[in-house]
N, C-alpha and C. Protein backbone atom coordinates (compact mmCIF):
# COMPACT_ATOMS: atom_id res chain seq x y z
N MET A 1 -28.74 -22.97 -4.71
CA MET A 1 -28.17 -21.91 -5.52
C MET A 1 -29.24 -21.31 -6.44
N GLY A 2 -29.68 -20.15 -6.12
CA GLY A 2 -30.65 -19.46 -6.96
C GLY A 2 -29.92 -18.77 -8.09
N CYS A 3 -30.69 -18.10 -8.92
CA CYS A 3 -30.02 -17.36 -10.00
C CYS A 3 -29.82 -15.93 -9.52
N ALA A 4 -28.69 -15.73 -8.87
CA ALA A 4 -28.39 -14.43 -8.27
C ALA A 4 -27.81 -13.45 -9.28
N GLY A 5 -27.75 -13.84 -10.52
CA GLY A 5 -27.16 -12.95 -11.52
C GLY A 5 -25.68 -13.23 -11.64
N SER A 6 -25.03 -12.50 -12.50
CA SER A 6 -23.62 -12.79 -12.74
C SER A 6 -22.71 -11.71 -12.17
N THR A 7 -23.18 -10.99 -11.15
CA THR A 7 -22.31 -9.96 -10.57
C THR A 7 -21.22 -10.64 -9.76
N PRO A 8 -19.97 -10.25 -9.98
CA PRO A 8 -18.88 -10.89 -9.25
C PRO A 8 -18.96 -10.53 -7.77
N LYS A 9 -18.61 -11.46 -6.91
CA LYS A 9 -18.63 -11.21 -5.47
C LYS A 9 -17.50 -10.24 -5.14
N VAL A 10 -17.85 -9.19 -4.43
CA VAL A 10 -16.83 -8.22 -4.03
C VAL A 10 -16.35 -8.60 -2.64
N ASP A 11 -15.07 -8.74 -2.49
CA ASP A 11 -14.49 -9.09 -1.21
C ASP A 11 -14.81 -8.00 -0.20
N GLU A 12 -15.10 -8.39 1.03
CA GLU A 12 -15.48 -7.41 2.05
C GLU A 12 -14.35 -6.43 2.36
N HIS A 13 -13.13 -6.82 2.07
CA HIS A 13 -12.01 -5.92 2.34
C HIS A 13 -11.81 -4.93 1.21
N GLY A 14 -12.69 -4.95 0.24
CA GLY A 14 -12.67 -3.90 -0.76
C GLY A 14 -11.99 -4.28 -2.04
N LYS A 15 -11.18 -3.37 -2.50
CA LYS A 15 -10.73 -3.35 -3.88
C LYS A 15 -9.58 -4.30 -4.18
N LYS A 16 -9.48 -4.62 -5.46
CA LYS A 16 -8.33 -5.37 -5.95
C LYS A 16 -7.18 -4.37 -6.04
N LEU A 17 -6.04 -4.75 -5.52
CA LEU A 17 -4.91 -3.83 -5.47
C LEU A 17 -4.33 -3.55 -6.85
N LYS A 18 -3.84 -2.33 -7.00
CA LYS A 18 -3.07 -1.99 -8.19
C LYS A 18 -2.01 -0.98 -7.80
N LYS A 19 -0.99 -0.90 -8.61
CA LYS A 19 0.09 0.05 -8.34
C LYS A 19 -0.42 1.48 -8.50
N PRO A 20 0.16 2.43 -7.75
CA PRO A 20 -0.23 3.82 -7.93
C PRO A 20 0.04 4.28 -9.36
N LYS A 21 -0.69 5.30 -9.79
CA LYS A 21 -0.44 5.89 -11.10
C LYS A 21 0.98 6.45 -11.10
N PRO A 22 1.58 6.55 -12.30
CA PRO A 22 2.93 7.13 -12.35
C PRO A 22 2.94 8.51 -11.68
N TRP A 23 3.99 8.78 -10.94
CA TRP A 23 4.10 10.05 -10.22
C TRP A 23 5.53 10.53 -10.28
N LYS A 24 5.69 11.81 -10.01
CA LYS A 24 7.00 12.44 -10.10
C LYS A 24 7.34 13.05 -8.75
N HIS A 25 8.54 12.80 -8.27
CA HIS A 25 8.98 13.42 -7.03
C HIS A 25 9.29 14.89 -7.32
N THR A 26 9.31 15.72 -6.27
CA THR A 26 9.56 17.15 -6.46
C THR A 26 10.90 17.41 -7.15
N GLN A 27 11.86 16.52 -6.90
CA GLN A 27 13.12 16.61 -7.63
C GLN A 27 13.59 15.19 -7.92
N ALA A 28 14.41 15.05 -8.94
CA ALA A 28 14.92 13.72 -9.29
C ALA A 28 15.70 13.16 -8.11
N ILE A 29 15.46 11.90 -7.79
CA ILE A 29 16.16 11.27 -6.66
C ILE A 29 16.78 9.95 -7.11
N THR A 30 17.78 9.53 -6.35
CA THR A 30 18.46 8.27 -6.65
C THR A 30 17.75 7.13 -5.92
N PRO A 31 17.99 5.89 -6.35
CA PRO A 31 17.41 4.76 -5.62
C PRO A 31 17.79 4.77 -4.13
N ALA A 32 19.01 5.21 -3.81
CA ALA A 32 19.45 5.26 -2.41
C ALA A 32 18.63 6.28 -1.62
N GLN A 33 18.35 7.43 -2.23
CA GLN A 33 17.53 8.44 -1.56
C GLN A 33 16.10 7.94 -1.35
N LEU A 34 15.58 7.25 -2.36
CA LEU A 34 14.22 6.70 -2.27
C LEU A 34 14.17 5.68 -1.13
N SER A 35 15.19 4.84 -1.07
CA SER A 35 15.27 3.82 -0.02
C SER A 35 15.31 4.47 1.36
N GLN A 36 16.08 5.54 1.50
CA GLN A 36 16.19 6.28 2.76
C GLN A 36 14.84 6.88 3.17
N MET A 37 14.12 7.47 2.20
CA MET A 37 12.80 8.04 2.48
C MET A 37 11.85 6.96 2.97
N ARG A 38 11.90 5.79 2.32
CA ARG A 38 11.03 4.68 2.70
C ARG A 38 11.35 4.21 4.11
N GLU A 39 12.63 4.05 4.42
CA GLU A 39 13.05 3.61 5.77
C GLU A 39 12.52 4.58 6.82
N GLU A 40 12.69 5.89 6.57
CA GLU A 40 12.24 6.90 7.53
C GLU A 40 10.74 6.83 7.72
N PHE A 41 10.00 6.64 6.62
CA PHE A 41 8.54 6.55 6.75
C PHE A 41 8.15 5.35 7.61
N TRP A 42 8.68 4.17 7.29
CA TRP A 42 8.29 2.97 8.03
C TRP A 42 8.74 3.02 9.48
N ASP A 43 9.86 3.70 9.75
CA ASP A 43 10.33 3.83 11.14
C ASP A 43 9.41 4.73 11.96
N THR A 44 8.87 5.78 11.33
CA THR A 44 8.08 6.75 12.08
C THR A 44 6.58 6.52 12.02
N ALA A 45 6.09 5.83 10.97
CA ALA A 45 4.65 5.66 10.78
C ALA A 45 3.90 5.13 12.00
N PRO A 46 4.40 4.08 12.68
CA PRO A 46 3.63 3.54 13.81
C PRO A 46 3.43 4.55 14.95
N HIS A 47 4.27 5.57 15.01
CA HIS A 47 4.13 6.58 16.07
C HIS A 47 2.93 7.50 15.85
N TYR A 48 2.36 7.45 14.65
CA TYR A 48 1.21 8.31 14.35
C TYR A 48 -0.11 7.61 14.62
N GLY A 49 -0.05 6.44 15.22
CA GLY A 49 -1.28 5.73 15.55
C GLY A 49 -1.43 4.45 14.75
N GLY A 50 -2.46 3.70 15.10
CA GLY A 50 -2.67 2.42 14.43
C GLY A 50 -1.86 1.33 15.13
N GLN A 51 -2.04 0.13 14.66
CA GLN A 51 -1.38 -1.02 15.28
C GLN A 51 -0.09 -1.38 14.54
N LYS A 52 0.94 -1.70 15.32
CA LYS A 52 2.22 -2.05 14.72
C LYS A 52 2.08 -3.24 13.75
N GLU A 53 1.24 -4.23 14.11
CA GLU A 53 1.07 -5.40 13.24
C GLU A 53 0.52 -4.99 11.87
N ILE A 54 -0.39 -4.02 11.88
CA ILE A 54 -0.97 -3.55 10.61
C ILE A 54 0.09 -2.81 9.81
N TRP A 55 0.87 -1.95 10.48
CA TRP A 55 1.95 -1.25 9.76
C TRP A 55 2.92 -2.26 9.16
N ASP A 56 3.25 -3.31 9.93
CA ASP A 56 4.18 -4.33 9.42
C ASP A 56 3.59 -5.03 8.20
N ALA A 57 2.30 -5.34 8.26
CA ALA A 57 1.64 -6.00 7.13
C ALA A 57 1.61 -5.06 5.92
N LEU A 58 1.34 -3.78 6.16
CA LEU A 58 1.31 -2.82 5.05
C LEU A 58 2.68 -2.69 4.40
N ARG A 59 3.72 -2.70 5.23
CA ARG A 59 5.08 -2.62 4.67
C ARG A 59 5.37 -3.85 3.83
N ALA A 60 5.03 -5.02 4.36
CA ALA A 60 5.26 -6.27 3.62
C ALA A 60 4.50 -6.23 2.29
N ALA A 61 3.26 -5.75 2.34
CA ALA A 61 2.44 -5.68 1.13
C ALA A 61 3.02 -4.67 0.15
N ALA A 62 3.47 -3.53 0.65
CA ALA A 62 4.02 -2.48 -0.21
C ALA A 62 5.27 -2.96 -0.93
N GLU A 63 6.02 -3.86 -0.29
CA GLU A 63 7.28 -4.32 -0.86
C GLU A 63 7.13 -5.62 -1.66
N ALA A 64 5.90 -6.15 -1.73
CA ALA A 64 5.65 -7.42 -2.41
C ALA A 64 5.04 -7.21 -3.79
N GLU A 65 5.00 -8.29 -4.56
CA GLU A 65 4.26 -8.28 -5.83
C GLU A 65 2.78 -8.11 -5.50
N LEU A 66 2.01 -7.57 -6.45
CA LEU A 66 0.60 -7.29 -6.20
C LEU A 66 -0.21 -8.48 -5.72
N SER A 67 -0.02 -9.64 -6.34
CA SER A 67 -0.83 -10.80 -5.94
C SER A 67 -0.55 -11.19 -4.49
N LEU A 68 0.72 -11.13 -4.09
CA LEU A 68 1.08 -11.44 -2.71
C LEU A 68 0.58 -10.33 -1.78
N ALA A 69 0.69 -9.09 -2.22
CA ALA A 69 0.22 -7.95 -1.42
C ALA A 69 -1.26 -8.11 -1.10
N GLN A 70 -2.02 -8.55 -2.09
CA GLN A 70 -3.47 -8.76 -1.91
C GLN A 70 -3.70 -9.78 -0.78
N THR A 71 -2.96 -10.86 -0.82
CA THR A 71 -3.09 -11.91 0.20
C THR A 71 -2.72 -11.37 1.58
N ILE A 72 -1.64 -10.58 1.64
CA ILE A 72 -1.17 -10.02 2.91
C ILE A 72 -2.24 -9.12 3.53
N VAL A 73 -2.79 -8.18 2.74
CA VAL A 73 -3.77 -7.26 3.32
C VAL A 73 -5.05 -7.99 3.72
N GLU A 74 -5.44 -8.99 2.93
CA GLU A 74 -6.66 -9.74 3.27
C GLU A 74 -6.47 -10.54 4.54
N SER A 75 -5.33 -11.20 4.68
CA SER A 75 -5.13 -12.03 5.88
C SER A 75 -4.93 -11.17 7.13
N ALA A 76 -4.49 -9.93 6.96
CA ALA A 76 -4.32 -9.03 8.11
C ALA A 76 -5.63 -8.29 8.44
N GLY A 77 -6.65 -8.50 7.61
CA GLY A 77 -7.93 -7.83 7.87
C GLY A 77 -7.90 -6.34 7.56
N ILE A 78 -7.03 -5.96 6.63
CA ILE A 78 -6.91 -4.54 6.27
C ILE A 78 -7.96 -4.19 5.23
N ILE A 79 -8.65 -3.09 5.46
CA ILE A 79 -9.64 -2.61 4.51
C ILE A 79 -8.96 -1.58 3.61
N VAL A 80 -8.86 -1.91 2.34
CA VAL A 80 -8.19 -1.03 1.39
C VAL A 80 -9.21 -0.07 0.81
N SER A 81 -9.06 1.21 1.14
CA SER A 81 -10.02 2.21 0.69
C SER A 81 -9.66 2.71 -0.71
N ASN A 82 -8.37 2.94 -0.95
CA ASN A 82 -7.90 3.29 -2.29
C ASN A 82 -7.16 2.07 -2.83
N SER A 83 -7.49 1.67 -4.05
CA SER A 83 -6.92 0.43 -4.58
C SER A 83 -5.40 0.47 -4.72
N ASP A 84 -4.79 1.67 -4.70
CA ASP A 84 -3.32 1.73 -4.77
C ASP A 84 -2.69 1.68 -3.37
N MET A 85 -3.52 1.43 -2.35
CA MET A 85 -3.08 1.30 -0.94
C MET A 85 -2.66 2.60 -0.29
N THR A 86 -2.94 3.75 -0.91
CA THR A 86 -2.56 5.01 -0.27
C THR A 86 -3.45 5.32 0.93
N LEU A 87 -4.62 4.67 0.99
CA LEU A 87 -5.51 4.87 2.14
C LEU A 87 -6.11 3.52 2.54
N CYS A 88 -5.84 3.11 3.78
CA CYS A 88 -6.33 1.84 4.29
C CYS A 88 -6.86 2.04 5.71
N TYR A 89 -7.64 1.08 6.16
CA TYR A 89 -8.16 1.08 7.53
C TYR A 89 -8.00 -0.31 8.10
N ASP A 90 -7.89 -0.40 9.44
CA ASP A 90 -7.92 -1.72 10.05
C ASP A 90 -9.35 -1.99 10.50
N GLU A 91 -9.57 -3.16 11.07
CA GLU A 91 -10.94 -3.54 11.44
C GLU A 91 -11.51 -2.70 12.56
N ARG A 92 -10.64 -1.98 13.28
CA ARG A 92 -11.12 -1.09 14.34
C ARG A 92 -11.43 0.30 13.82
N GLY A 93 -11.14 0.52 12.54
CA GLY A 93 -11.43 1.82 11.94
C GLY A 93 -10.26 2.79 11.97
N ALA A 94 -9.09 2.34 12.45
CA ALA A 94 -7.92 3.22 12.43
C ALA A 94 -7.47 3.43 10.99
N LYS A 95 -7.01 4.64 10.71
CA LYS A 95 -6.66 5.03 9.35
C LYS A 95 -5.15 4.90 9.13
N TYR A 96 -4.78 4.41 7.97
CA TYR A 96 -3.37 4.24 7.60
C TYR A 96 -3.18 4.88 6.23
N GLU A 97 -2.37 5.93 6.18
CA GLU A 97 -2.12 6.59 4.89
C GLU A 97 -0.69 6.30 4.46
N LEU A 98 -0.55 5.82 3.24
CA LEU A 98 0.77 5.51 2.71
C LEU A 98 1.13 6.48 1.59
N PRO A 99 2.31 7.08 1.66
CA PRO A 99 2.75 7.94 0.55
C PRO A 99 3.09 7.08 -0.66
N LYS A 100 2.92 7.64 -1.84
CA LYS A 100 3.21 6.88 -3.07
C LYS A 100 4.64 6.38 -3.11
N TYR A 101 5.58 7.13 -2.49
CA TYR A 101 6.98 6.72 -2.60
C TYR A 101 7.29 5.40 -1.89
N VAL A 102 6.42 4.92 -1.01
CA VAL A 102 6.68 3.60 -0.43
C VAL A 102 6.04 2.49 -1.27
N LEU A 103 5.19 2.89 -2.22
CA LEU A 103 4.45 1.92 -3.02
C LEU A 103 4.99 1.73 -4.43
N SER A 104 5.63 2.76 -4.97
CA SER A 104 6.18 2.65 -6.33
C SER A 104 7.30 3.67 -6.49
N GLU A 105 8.01 3.54 -7.60
CA GLU A 105 9.12 4.46 -7.86
C GLU A 105 8.62 5.66 -8.66
N PRO A 106 9.23 6.83 -8.43
CA PRO A 106 8.83 8.00 -9.22
C PRO A 106 9.33 7.88 -10.66
N THR A 107 8.71 8.60 -11.55
CA THR A 107 9.13 8.56 -12.95
C THR A 107 10.48 9.25 -13.14
N ASN A 108 10.85 10.11 -12.17
CA ASN A 108 12.13 10.81 -12.31
C ASN A 108 13.20 10.23 -11.38
N LEU A 109 13.15 8.92 -11.17
CA LEU A 109 14.19 8.25 -10.40
C LEU A 109 15.46 8.23 -11.25
N ILE A 110 16.57 8.58 -10.62
CA ILE A 110 17.85 8.61 -11.35
C ILE A 110 18.42 7.20 -11.41
N ARG A 111 18.54 6.69 -12.60
CA ARG A 111 19.11 5.35 -12.79
C ARG A 111 20.61 5.52 -13.03
N ASP A 112 21.39 4.74 -12.34
CA ASP A 112 22.83 4.81 -12.58
C ASP A 112 23.11 4.27 -13.98
N GLY A 113 23.65 5.14 -14.82
CA GLY A 113 23.83 4.75 -16.20
C GLY A 113 25.18 4.23 -16.44
């Protein structure tokens, strides 16, 4: 062990995950509408390319707590290009783009009061 300095080792899969910045949907939506949008995205996403296993892992990560999400993407070999997971790649270089609405809730989500 030489004195390599105190720079932290950066994982080869890139960045530490974090939630997307707060965002606003074009119009206020209910949790049910948000859920519907998410279902439609995950149902159609694999048809745009990439591997189904990677899409499944991304969905699991998107729906998990951050620490678990980190483990999921690392074990699936996903390269996270944007730390909020909006842009990822697999080991073959296929691109996976995730909309913010599958990763977090909008600031104008209608809460049933």
